[in-house]
């Protein structure tokens, strides 16, 4: 499998129709009046699999790190993923695998930059950047 894209969004879902529904996609900065901040959103991941990978379980891992590379989560998020066969899928086309990982409640302890890393079977596939910025309260 290879990574096609990652995206931070307010919400997303993958219903049985195989489409990916994204609401409020493209988050890269969160403005807040105080930290720590409980993030509100999801990480959307689209992987592309070859037919040879169908029904082969694989391990997806999501790490959240601060700008110094220190982990924010006590344990990474680990999710099993597998490409599923679809008889209507054109031969030779990669098979999409959609993952929506709920990150709501992840505590971002300070203002600054964070990296959300995606690994598959212990191999780094890509990253999504997120920035927390403080804004003063207006009266």
Foldseek 3Di string as FASTA:
>chain_A
DAWPDKWKALDWDQDPVRDIGGHRIHAAEDEDADDQDFDHTKMKTKDWAAPVQAPPKKKKWKFKAFPVRHTQDPGTDIDIWGFHDDVVDDPPGTGITMDIGGSGRRTDGDFAKMWIWMDINNHTRDIGIHGYHYDHDDD
